[in-house]
Structures are given as structure tokens and as C-alpha cells.
Amino acid sequence: MGVVSSLRRAHRAPNAGLPPGGVQSDLLAALCYCLVYDLCAWLAGSRSPVPADVREYRREDLRPLPHPRDRLCRYLAPQLLQAWERALAPFFAAGGLLVPRLQETGALELLDPQRDGAAQVRLRFSESGCLLGRGGPQVERPAREWLLTVESSPDRLEIQAARLEQVGA
């Protein structure tokens, strides 16, 4: 599926915006990559395990799961996944698929930690792609800049909140 090949090219520069060697920061960066990968795969209708050559996907325990939603539920707060399912239900019910193409690089910025130790990170990336509908023509989408803001649990193992917004919209 196209989403897999495009996501293989997505990467972050070593320690981009993160303190060098910060284990907690690396955990959060890896979790953000998993989120982008799994969300794109979900929107594209992928039903494949994460390929071994996608090195940035560091949740090895989740790789064999074929459905991206099953991977997402292992590290997203349940209320966040439920909200996304409700929001996307009309899109999926209409037979919609979004096949994104991510650009080569993105910027990852660690924000000041919350009082409870939760971390926030911003990931800025570019994406284009095509929208597919049931029986309809493929519609190419122009390139867009996106900003994903993620808040993790204090242990950096769960995403508690996430907001995706188009830059400059």
C-alpha cells in the first residue's frame, strides 16, 4: 500500500529539537512516529503489519498487528481513540480513504514539561496525497504543512491528547 512506502521515508534528524541522549525524549519521539505511521495507515485502509524495514517504528510488540486501529489502542488514551473514531465514522462509512505522502523531513520540538511530568511535543511535517471514495475518482490533494501537538503520560508510554492542525490555514 502507498502509505507504507511514503512513511518509510519520513524521519527525524538525530535529536532534532530534543536534548542529546535524552531517553525520555527518545521514547516520546518514537511514540510520535508510531502515531503518525498508524494514523496514516488507518486513514489509508491498510491491513498489514508494520514492515521490518520501517526502523523508526520502535514499538516492536505492535509490529505484527495488521490493523492500525489495534496498534493505536495500545498507546492512545481510550477517550482520544473513541473521539477520533466518532469523528472519522462518516468518512469511513462513505468508503473514504486518504493515502498520504509524507515529505522527507520534519521538525520535532520538545516543549516544557507539565507539572505532573507529562511531556508535550510538536511535530511539523509536510504531506500531500490522494483522496479515494467508493466508486469515485481519485482526487489529488495539494501539499500542506501540518503541526501535530502531542501530550504524553508522565512515563511517556501513552498519548493522552493530540491535536493536528494545518499550518497557515
N, C-alpha and C. Protein backbone atom coordinates (compact mmCIF):
# COMPACT_ATOMS: atom_id res chain seq x y z
N MET A 1 0.85 -1.18 0.00
CA MET A 1 0.00 0.00 0.00
C MET A 1 0.89 1.24 0.00
N GLY A 2 0.49 2.30 -0.65
CA GLY A 2 1.27 3.51 -0.78
C GLY A 2 1.69 4.15 0.52
N VAL A 3 0.88 4.03 1.54
CA VAL A 3 1.21 4.67 2.81
C VAL A 3 2.49 4.09 3.39
N VAL A 4 2.72 2.81 3.20
CA VAL A 4 3.91 2.20 3.76
C VAL A 4 5.16 2.76 3.11
N SER A 5 5.19 2.84 1.79
CA SER A 5 6.39 3.34 1.14
C SER A 5 6.63 4.80 1.45
N SER A 6 5.58 5.60 1.56
CA SER A 6 5.80 7.01 1.84
C SER A 6 6.27 7.21 3.28
N LEU A 7 5.78 6.39 4.19
CA LEU A 7 6.17 6.57 5.59
C LEU A 7 7.57 6.05 5.86
N ARG A 8 8.07 5.17 5.03
CA ARG A 8 9.45 4.72 5.22
C ARG A 8 10.41 5.89 5.07
N ARG A 9 10.04 6.85 4.25
CA ARG A 9 10.93 7.98 4.00
C ARG A 9 10.82 9.05 5.08
N ALA A 10 9.80 9.01 5.89
CA ALA A 10 9.65 10.01 6.93
C ALA A 10 10.63 9.72 8.06
N HIS A 11 11.35 10.72 8.48
CA HIS A 11 12.29 10.52 9.57
C HIS A 11 12.54 11.83 10.29
N ARG A 12 13.20 11.73 11.43
CA ARG A 12 13.62 12.94 12.11
C ARG A 12 15.13 12.94 12.18
N ALA A 13 15.68 14.10 12.14
CA ALA A 13 17.12 14.21 12.28
C ALA A 13 17.49 13.78 13.70
N PRO A 14 18.69 13.21 13.91
CA PRO A 14 19.07 12.79 15.25
C PRO A 14 18.95 13.94 16.25
N ASN A 15 18.18 13.70 17.31
CA ASN A 15 17.97 14.66 18.39
C ASN A 15 17.44 16.01 17.93
N ALA A 16 16.68 16.03 16.85
CA ALA A 16 16.12 17.29 16.35
C ALA A 16 15.20 17.90 17.39
N GLY A 17 15.62 19.01 17.96
CA GLY A 17 14.81 19.70 18.95
C GLY A 17 14.75 19.01 20.29
N LEU A 18 15.53 17.95 20.50
CA LEU A 18 15.49 17.19 21.74
C LEU A 18 16.87 17.19 22.38
N PRO A 19 16.93 17.10 23.72
CA PRO A 19 18.23 17.05 24.36
C PRO A 19 18.99 15.79 23.95
N PRO A 20 20.29 15.90 23.67
CA PRO A 20 21.06 14.73 23.25
C PRO A 20 21.00 13.63 24.30
N GLY A 21 20.73 12.40 23.84
CA GLY A 21 20.74 11.25 24.72
C GLY A 21 19.58 11.17 25.68
N GLY A 22 18.63 12.04 25.56
CA GLY A 22 17.51 12.02 26.50
C GLY A 22 16.62 10.81 26.23
N VAL A 23 16.69 9.82 27.14
CA VAL A 23 15.92 8.59 26.95
C VAL A 23 14.43 8.89 26.90
N GLN A 24 13.93 9.72 27.83
CA GLN A 24 12.51 10.05 27.84
C GLN A 24 12.11 10.78 26.56
N SER A 25 12.98 11.66 26.08
CA SER A 25 12.71 12.38 24.83
C SER A 25 12.68 11.43 23.66
N ASP A 26 13.60 10.48 23.63
CA ASP A 26 13.62 9.49 22.56
C ASP A 26 12.37 8.63 22.58
N LEU A 27 11.89 8.27 23.78
CA LEU A 27 10.65 7.50 23.88
C LEU A 27 9.49 8.27 23.28
N LEU A 28 9.41 9.54 23.59
CA LEU A 28 8.33 10.37 23.09
C LEU A 28 8.43 10.57 21.58
N ALA A 29 9.63 10.78 21.07
CA ALA A 29 9.82 10.92 19.62
C ALA A 29 9.39 9.63 18.91
N ALA A 30 9.76 8.48 19.46
CA ALA A 30 9.37 7.20 18.86
C ALA A 30 7.86 7.02 18.90
N LEU A 31 7.25 7.43 19.99
CA LEU A 31 5.79 7.31 20.12
C LEU A 31 5.08 8.21 19.09
N CYS A 32 5.61 9.41 18.87
CA CYS A 32 5.03 10.31 17.86
C CYS A 32 5.14 9.70 16.47
N TYR A 33 6.27 9.08 16.16
CA TYR A 33 6.42 8.44 14.86
C TYR A 33 5.39 7.32 14.70
N CYS A 34 5.23 6.50 15.75
CA CYS A 34 4.23 5.43 15.69
C CYS A 34 2.85 6.00 15.44
N LEU A 35 2.52 7.12 16.10
CA LEU A 35 1.22 7.74 15.94
C LEU A 35 1.00 8.18 14.49
N VAL A 36 1.97 8.87 13.91
CA VAL A 36 1.82 9.34 12.53
C VAL A 36 1.70 8.14 11.59
N TYR A 37 2.55 7.15 11.78
CA TYR A 37 2.51 5.96 10.93
C TYR A 37 1.15 5.27 11.02
N ASP A 38 0.69 4.99 12.25
CA ASP A 38 -0.55 4.25 12.43
C ASP A 38 -1.78 5.05 12.01
N LEU A 39 -1.77 6.34 12.25
CA LEU A 39 -2.90 7.17 11.83
C LEU A 39 -2.99 7.21 10.30
N CYS A 40 -1.86 7.39 9.64
CA CYS A 40 -1.86 7.39 8.17
C CYS A 40 -2.30 6.04 7.62
N ALA A 41 -1.82 4.95 8.23
CA ALA A 41 -2.21 3.61 7.78
C ALA A 41 -3.70 3.38 7.99
N TRP A 42 -4.25 3.87 9.09
CA TRP A 42 -5.69 3.73 9.38
C TRP A 42 -6.51 4.47 8.33
N LEU A 43 -6.13 5.72 8.03
CA LEU A 43 -6.85 6.51 7.04
C LEU A 43 -6.75 5.91 5.64
N ALA A 44 -5.65 5.21 5.37
CA ALA A 44 -5.44 4.62 4.05
C ALA A 44 -6.09 3.24 3.93
N GLY A 45 -6.65 2.73 5.03
CA GLY A 45 -7.30 1.43 4.98
C GLY A 45 -6.33 0.27 4.97
N SER A 46 -5.12 0.48 5.43
CA SER A 46 -4.11 -0.57 5.46
C SER A 46 -4.51 -1.68 6.44
N ARG A 47 -4.22 -2.90 6.07
CA ARG A 47 -4.44 -4.06 6.95
C ARG A 47 -3.21 -4.94 6.92
N SER A 48 -2.06 -4.30 7.16
CA SER A 48 -0.79 -5.01 7.09
C SER A 48 0.04 -4.73 8.33
N PRO A 49 0.80 -5.71 8.78
CA PRO A 49 1.74 -5.46 9.88
C PRO A 49 2.75 -4.39 9.46
N VAL A 50 3.43 -3.81 10.41
CA VAL A 50 4.46 -2.82 10.13
C VAL A 50 5.69 -3.56 9.60
N PRO A 51 6.14 -3.23 8.39
CA PRO A 51 7.30 -3.94 7.82
C PRO A 51 8.56 -3.78 8.65
N ALA A 52 9.40 -4.78 8.63
CA ALA A 52 10.64 -4.79 9.42
C ALA A 52 11.59 -3.67 9.03
N ASP A 53 11.54 -3.23 7.77
CA ASP A 53 12.48 -2.20 7.33
C ASP A 53 12.04 -0.78 7.70
N VAL A 54 10.92 -0.64 8.37
CA VAL A 54 10.50 0.68 8.89
C VAL A 54 11.13 0.81 10.27
N ARG A 55 12.39 1.20 10.28
CA ARG A 55 13.20 1.22 11.51
C ARG A 55 12.68 2.21 12.55
N GLU A 56 12.08 3.29 12.10
CA GLU A 56 11.62 4.32 13.05
C GLU A 56 10.45 3.85 13.91
N TYR A 57 9.77 2.81 13.49
CA TYR A 57 8.65 2.28 14.27
C TYR A 57 9.24 1.37 15.34
N ARG A 58 9.36 1.91 16.57
CA ARG A 58 10.10 1.21 17.60
C ARG A 58 9.23 0.44 18.59
N ARG A 59 7.95 0.39 18.36
CA ARG A 59 7.10 -0.45 19.22
C ARG A 59 7.06 -1.85 18.62
N GLU A 60 8.13 -2.60 18.87
CA GLU A 60 8.28 -3.94 18.29
C GLU A 60 7.13 -4.86 18.65
N ASP A 61 6.55 -4.68 19.82
CA ASP A 61 5.44 -5.53 20.26
C ASP A 61 4.19 -5.32 19.42
N LEU A 62 4.10 -4.18 18.73
CA LEU A 62 2.90 -3.87 17.94
C LEU A 62 3.06 -4.18 16.45
N ARG A 63 4.27 -4.34 15.98
CA ARG A 63 4.52 -4.56 14.55
C ARG A 63 3.67 -5.67 13.92
N PRO A 64 3.48 -6.82 14.59
CA PRO A 64 2.74 -7.91 13.94
C PRO A 64 1.24 -7.65 13.77
N LEU A 65 0.70 -6.69 14.50
CA LEU A 65 -0.75 -6.44 14.43
C LEU A 65 -1.10 -5.85 13.07
N PRO A 66 -2.00 -6.48 12.30
CA PRO A 66 -2.29 -5.99 10.95
C PRO A 66 -3.15 -4.73 10.90
N HIS A 67 -3.99 -4.52 11.88
CA HIS A 67 -4.91 -3.38 11.82
C HIS A 67 -4.33 -2.20 12.61
N PRO A 68 -4.15 -1.05 11.96
CA PRO A 68 -3.56 0.10 12.65
C PRO A 68 -4.38 0.54 13.87
N ARG A 69 -5.69 0.39 13.83
CA ARG A 69 -6.51 0.77 14.98
C ARG A 69 -6.15 -0.09 16.19
N ASP A 70 -5.83 -1.36 15.97
CA ASP A 70 -5.41 -2.24 17.07
C ASP A 70 -4.08 -1.80 17.66
N ARG A 71 -3.21 -1.26 16.81
CA ARG A 71 -1.94 -0.73 17.33
C ARG A 71 -2.18 0.55 18.10
N LEU A 72 -3.02 1.44 17.55
CA LEU A 72 -3.32 2.72 18.20
C LEU A 72 -3.89 2.52 19.61
N CYS A 73 -4.77 1.54 19.78
CA CYS A 73 -5.41 1.38 21.08
C CYS A 73 -4.44 0.93 22.16
N ARG A 74 -3.23 0.54 21.78
CA ARG A 74 -2.22 0.10 22.76
C ARG A 74 -1.44 1.27 23.36
N TYR A 75 -1.49 2.44 22.71
CA TYR A 75 -0.73 3.57 23.27
C TYR A 75 -1.49 4.89 23.25
N LEU A 76 -2.72 4.91 22.76
CA LEU A 76 -3.56 6.12 22.84
C LEU A 76 -4.51 5.99 24.01
N ALA A 77 -4.74 7.09 24.69
CA ALA A 77 -5.75 7.10 25.75
C ALA A 77 -7.09 6.70 25.13
N PRO A 78 -7.86 5.84 25.80
CA PRO A 78 -9.12 5.35 25.22
C PRO A 78 -10.07 6.46 24.79
N GLN A 79 -10.18 7.53 25.57
CA GLN A 79 -11.10 8.61 25.21
C GLN A 79 -10.66 9.34 23.94
N LEU A 80 -9.37 9.41 23.69
CA LEU A 80 -8.85 10.03 22.48
C LEU A 80 -9.18 9.17 21.26
N LEU A 81 -8.94 7.87 21.35
CA LEU A 81 -9.24 6.99 20.23
C LEU A 81 -10.75 6.98 19.95
N GLN A 82 -11.57 6.96 20.98
CA GLN A 82 -13.02 6.99 20.79
C GLN A 82 -13.47 8.28 20.11
N ALA A 83 -12.89 9.40 20.49
CA ALA A 83 -13.24 10.68 19.85
C ALA A 83 -12.87 10.65 18.37
N TRP A 84 -11.70 10.11 18.04
CA TRP A 84 -11.28 10.02 16.65
C TRP A 84 -12.20 9.07 15.87
N GLU A 85 -12.57 7.96 16.48
CA GLU A 85 -13.47 7.02 15.79
C GLU A 85 -14.81 7.68 15.46
N ARG A 86 -15.36 8.44 16.41
CA ARG A 86 -16.62 9.15 16.16
C ARG A 86 -16.46 10.17 15.04
N ALA A 87 -15.37 10.91 15.08
CA ALA A 87 -15.15 11.94 14.07
C ALA A 87 -14.94 11.34 12.67
N LEU A 88 -14.29 10.20 12.60
CA LEU A 88 -13.97 9.58 11.31
C LEU A 88 -15.05 8.63 10.80
N ALA A 89 -16.03 8.30 11.63
CA ALA A 89 -17.08 7.34 11.24
C ALA A 89 -17.76 7.72 9.92
N PRO A 90 -18.19 8.98 9.72
CA PRO A 90 -18.83 9.31 8.43
C PRO A 90 -17.88 9.14 7.23
N PHE A 91 -16.62 9.45 7.42
CA PHE A 91 -15.62 9.30 6.36
C PHE A 91 -15.49 7.84 5.96
N PHE A 92 -15.32 6.95 6.96
CA PHE A 92 -15.18 5.53 6.67
C PHE A 92 -16.49 4.93 6.16
N ALA A 93 -17.63 5.36 6.70
CA ALA A 93 -18.94 4.84 6.26
C ALA A 93 -19.20 5.17 4.79
N ALA A 94 -18.66 6.28 4.32
CA ALA A 94 -18.82 6.68 2.92
C ALA A 94 -17.81 5.98 2.02
N GLY A 95 -16.97 5.12 2.61
CA GLY A 95 -15.98 4.40 1.81
C GLY A 95 -14.74 5.23 1.53
N GLY A 96 -14.52 6.28 2.31
CA GLY A 96 -13.37 7.15 2.08
C GLY A 96 -12.06 6.54 2.51
N LEU A 97 -11.03 6.86 1.78
CA LEU A 97 -9.65 6.52 2.11
C LEU A 97 -8.79 7.72 1.78
N LEU A 98 -7.80 7.96 2.60
CA LEU A 98 -6.84 9.03 2.37
C LEU A 98 -5.47 8.39 2.33
N VAL A 99 -4.81 8.49 1.21
CA VAL A 99 -3.48 7.92 1.08
C VAL A 99 -2.47 9.07 1.09
N PRO A 100 -1.87 9.30 2.27
CA PRO A 100 -0.93 10.42 2.39
C PRO A 100 0.45 10.08 1.85
N ARG A 101 1.15 11.13 1.41
CA ARG A 101 2.55 11.03 1.04
C ARG A 101 3.28 12.06 1.88
N LEU A 102 4.09 11.58 2.82
CA LEU A 102 4.83 12.47 3.71
C LEU A 102 6.12 12.91 3.04
N GLN A 103 6.54 14.12 3.34
CA GLN A 103 7.79 14.63 2.82
C GLN A 103 8.96 14.00 3.57
N GLU A 104 10.15 14.22 3.08
CA GLU A 104 11.34 13.58 3.61
C GLU A 104 11.65 13.92 5.07
N THR A 105 11.43 15.15 5.47
CA THR A 105 11.86 15.56 6.81
C THR A 105 10.74 16.26 7.54
N GLY A 106 10.91 16.34 8.84
CA GLY A 106 10.00 17.07 9.70
C GLY A 106 10.78 17.59 10.88
N ALA A 107 10.20 18.53 11.60
CA ALA A 107 10.86 19.10 12.77
C ALA A 107 10.12 18.66 14.02
N LEU A 108 10.86 18.16 15.00
CA LEU A 108 10.30 17.70 16.25
C LEU A 108 10.82 18.60 17.36
N GLU A 109 9.90 19.14 18.15
CA GLU A 109 10.27 20.09 19.21
C GLU A 109 9.64 19.64 20.53
N LEU A 110 10.49 19.44 21.54
CA LEU A 110 10.02 19.09 22.87
C LEU A 110 9.69 20.37 23.62
N LEU A 111 8.45 20.46 24.12
CA LEU A 111 8.01 21.64 24.87
C LEU A 111 8.29 21.44 26.35
N ASP A 112 8.17 22.51 27.13
CA ASP A 112 8.41 22.40 28.57
C ASP A 112 7.46 21.38 29.18
N PRO A 113 7.97 20.52 30.10
CA PRO A 113 7.11 19.51 30.72
C PRO A 113 6.00 20.13 31.57
N GLN A 114 4.90 19.41 31.70
CA GLN A 114 3.78 19.83 32.54
C GLN A 114 4.17 19.62 34.01
N ARG A 115 3.39 20.17 34.92
CA ARG A 115 3.67 19.99 36.35
C ARG A 115 3.67 18.53 36.79
N ASP A 116 2.80 17.72 36.19
CA ASP A 116 2.72 16.31 36.58
C ASP A 116 3.77 15.45 35.89
N GLY A 117 4.64 16.07 35.11
CA GLY A 117 5.69 15.33 34.42
C GLY A 117 5.34 14.94 33.00
N ALA A 118 4.08 15.15 32.61
CA ALA A 118 3.68 14.84 31.24
C ALA A 118 4.47 15.73 30.27
N ALA A 119 4.79 15.18 29.14
CA ALA A 119 5.56 15.92 28.14
C ALA A 119 4.67 16.30 26.97
N GLN A 120 5.04 17.39 26.34
CA GLN A 120 4.39 17.80 25.10
C GLN A 120 5.45 17.92 24.03
N VAL A 121 5.07 17.52 22.84
CA VAL A 121 5.99 17.62 21.72
C VAL A 121 5.19 18.10 20.51
N ARG A 122 5.87 18.85 19.66
CA ARG A 122 5.27 19.31 18.40
C ARG A 122 6.07 18.70 17.26
N LEU A 123 5.33 18.19 16.30
CA LEU A 123 5.94 17.64 15.09
C LEU A 123 5.35 18.39 13.91
N ARG A 124 6.21 19.03 13.15
CA ARG A 124 5.78 19.76 11.96
C ARG A 124 6.25 18.98 10.74
N PHE A 125 5.32 18.72 9.81
CA PHE A 125 5.66 17.94 8.63
C PHE A 125 4.80 18.38 7.45
N SER A 126 5.26 18.01 6.26
CA SER A 126 4.55 18.30 5.02
C SER A 126 3.95 17.02 4.48
N GLU A 127 2.80 17.16 3.83
CA GLU A 127 2.09 15.99 3.32
C GLU A 127 1.28 16.38 2.10
N SER A 128 1.21 15.48 1.16
CA SER A 128 0.28 15.58 0.04
C SER A 128 -0.33 14.19 -0.07
N GLY A 129 -1.15 13.95 -1.04
CA GLY A 129 -1.70 12.62 -1.17
C GLY A 129 -2.93 12.62 -2.03
N CYS A 130 -3.68 11.54 -1.93
CA CYS A 130 -4.90 11.46 -2.71
C CYS A 130 -6.04 10.94 -1.85
N LEU A 131 -7.21 11.39 -2.20
CA LEU A 131 -8.45 11.01 -1.52
C LEU A 131 -9.19 10.06 -2.45
N LEU A 132 -9.58 8.92 -1.90
CA LEU A 132 -10.29 7.92 -2.68
C LEU A 132 -11.68 7.74 -2.08
N GLY A 133 -12.67 7.59 -2.93
CA GLY A 133 -14.03 7.33 -2.48
C GLY A 133 -14.58 6.10 -3.14
N ARG A 134 -15.63 5.58 -2.58
CA ARG A 134 -16.26 4.37 -3.12
C ARG A 134 -16.75 4.63 -4.55
N GLY A 135 -16.09 4.03 -5.52
CA GLY A 135 -16.51 4.15 -6.90
C GLY A 135 -16.23 5.49 -7.54
N GLY A 136 -15.72 6.45 -6.79
CA GLY A 136 -15.46 7.76 -7.35
C GLY A 136 -14.04 7.90 -7.84
N PRO A 137 -13.75 9.02 -8.48
CA PRO A 137 -12.40 9.23 -8.98
C PRO A 137 -11.42 9.54 -7.85
N GLN A 138 -10.18 9.29 -8.11
CA GLN A 138 -9.12 9.64 -7.18
C GLN A 138 -8.89 11.14 -7.25
N VAL A 139 -8.84 11.80 -6.11
CA VAL A 139 -8.65 13.24 -6.08
C VAL A 139 -7.30 13.54 -5.43
N GLU A 140 -6.40 14.13 -6.21
CA GLU A 140 -5.09 14.52 -5.68
C GLU A 140 -5.25 15.74 -4.78
N ARG A 141 -4.55 15.71 -3.66
CA ARG A 141 -4.57 16.83 -2.73
C ARG A 141 -3.26 17.58 -2.82
N PRO A 142 -3.30 18.91 -2.74
CA PRO A 142 -2.05 19.68 -2.80
C PRO A 142 -1.23 19.48 -1.52
N ALA A 143 0.05 19.79 -1.61
CA ALA A 143 0.93 19.70 -0.44
C ALA A 143 0.46 20.68 0.63
N ARG A 144 0.53 20.21 1.87
CA ARG A 144 0.13 21.04 3.02
C ARG A 144 1.12 20.83 4.14
N GLU A 145 1.25 21.86 4.97
CA GLU A 145 2.06 21.79 6.17
C GLU A 145 1.15 21.50 7.35
N TRP A 146 1.58 20.60 8.23
CA TRP A 146 0.79 20.20 9.40
C TRP A 146 1.61 20.35 10.67
N LEU A 147 0.91 20.62 11.77
CA LEU A 147 1.52 20.68 13.09
C LEU A 147 0.75 19.72 13.99
N LEU A 148 1.45 18.70 14.49
CA LEU A 148 0.87 17.73 15.40
C LEU A 148 1.42 18.02 16.79
N THR A 149 0.54 18.33 17.72
CA THR A 149 0.94 18.56 19.11
C THR A 149 0.44 17.38 19.93
N VAL A 150 1.35 16.74 20.63
CA VAL A 150 1.04 15.53 21.39
C VAL A 150 1.40 15.75 22.85
N GLU A 151 0.51 15.30 23.74
CA GLU A 151 0.80 15.30 25.18
C GLU A 151 0.82 13.86 25.64
N SER A 152 1.90 13.51 26.31
CA SER A 152 2.06 12.12 26.76
C SER A 152 1.75 12.00 28.24
N SER A 153 1.64 10.76 28.67
CA SER A 153 1.57 10.47 30.10
C SER A 153 2.95 10.77 30.69
N PRO A 154 3.04 10.92 32.01
CA PRO A 154 4.35 11.21 32.61
C PRO A 154 5.43 10.17 32.29
N ASP A 155 5.04 8.90 32.10
CA ASP A 155 6.03 7.87 31.79
C ASP A 155 6.35 7.77 30.29
N ARG A 156 5.72 8.59 29.47
CA ARG A 156 5.94 8.66 28.02
C ARG A 156 5.50 7.40 27.28
N LEU A 157 4.62 6.60 27.88
CA LEU A 157 4.18 5.36 27.25
C LEU A 157 2.79 5.45 26.64
N GLU A 158 2.06 6.54 26.93
CA GLU A 158 0.71 6.69 26.38
C GLU A 158 0.53 8.12 25.91
N ILE A 159 -0.17 8.27 24.81
CA ILE A 159 -0.54 9.60 24.32
C ILE A 159 -1.90 9.92 24.91
N GLN A 160 -1.96 11.00 25.68
CA GLN A 160 -3.20 11.37 26.35
C GLN A 160 -4.01 12.38 25.54
N ALA A 161 -3.34 13.21 24.76
CA ALA A 161 -4.02 14.22 23.95
C ALA A 161 -3.20 14.45 22.68
N ALA A 162 -3.89 14.76 21.60
CA ALA A 162 -3.22 15.06 20.35
C ALA A 162 -4.09 16.01 19.54
N ARG A 163 -3.43 16.97 18.92
CA ARG A 163 -4.15 17.93 18.08
C ARG A 163 -3.36 18.08 16.78
N LEU A 164 -4.07 17.93 15.67
CA LEU A 164 -3.47 18.08 14.34
C LEU A 164 -4.11 19.28 13.68
N GLU A 165 -3.28 20.22 13.26
CA GLU A 165 -3.81 21.42 12.61
C GLU A 165 -2.97 21.77 11.40
N GLN A 166 -3.65 22.30 10.42
CA GLN A 166 -2.95 22.73 9.22
C GLN A 166 -2.28 24.07 9.50
N VAL A 167 -1.02 24.17 9.11
CA VAL A 167 -0.26 25.41 9.31
C VAL A 167 -0.68 26.40 8.24
N GLY A 168 -0.99 27.61 8.66
CA GLY A 168 -1.34 28.66 7.73
C GLY A 168 -2.74 28.59 7.16
N ALA A 169 -3.58 27.77 7.75
CA ALA A 169 -4.98 27.65 7.24
C ALA A 169 -5.87 28.68 7.88
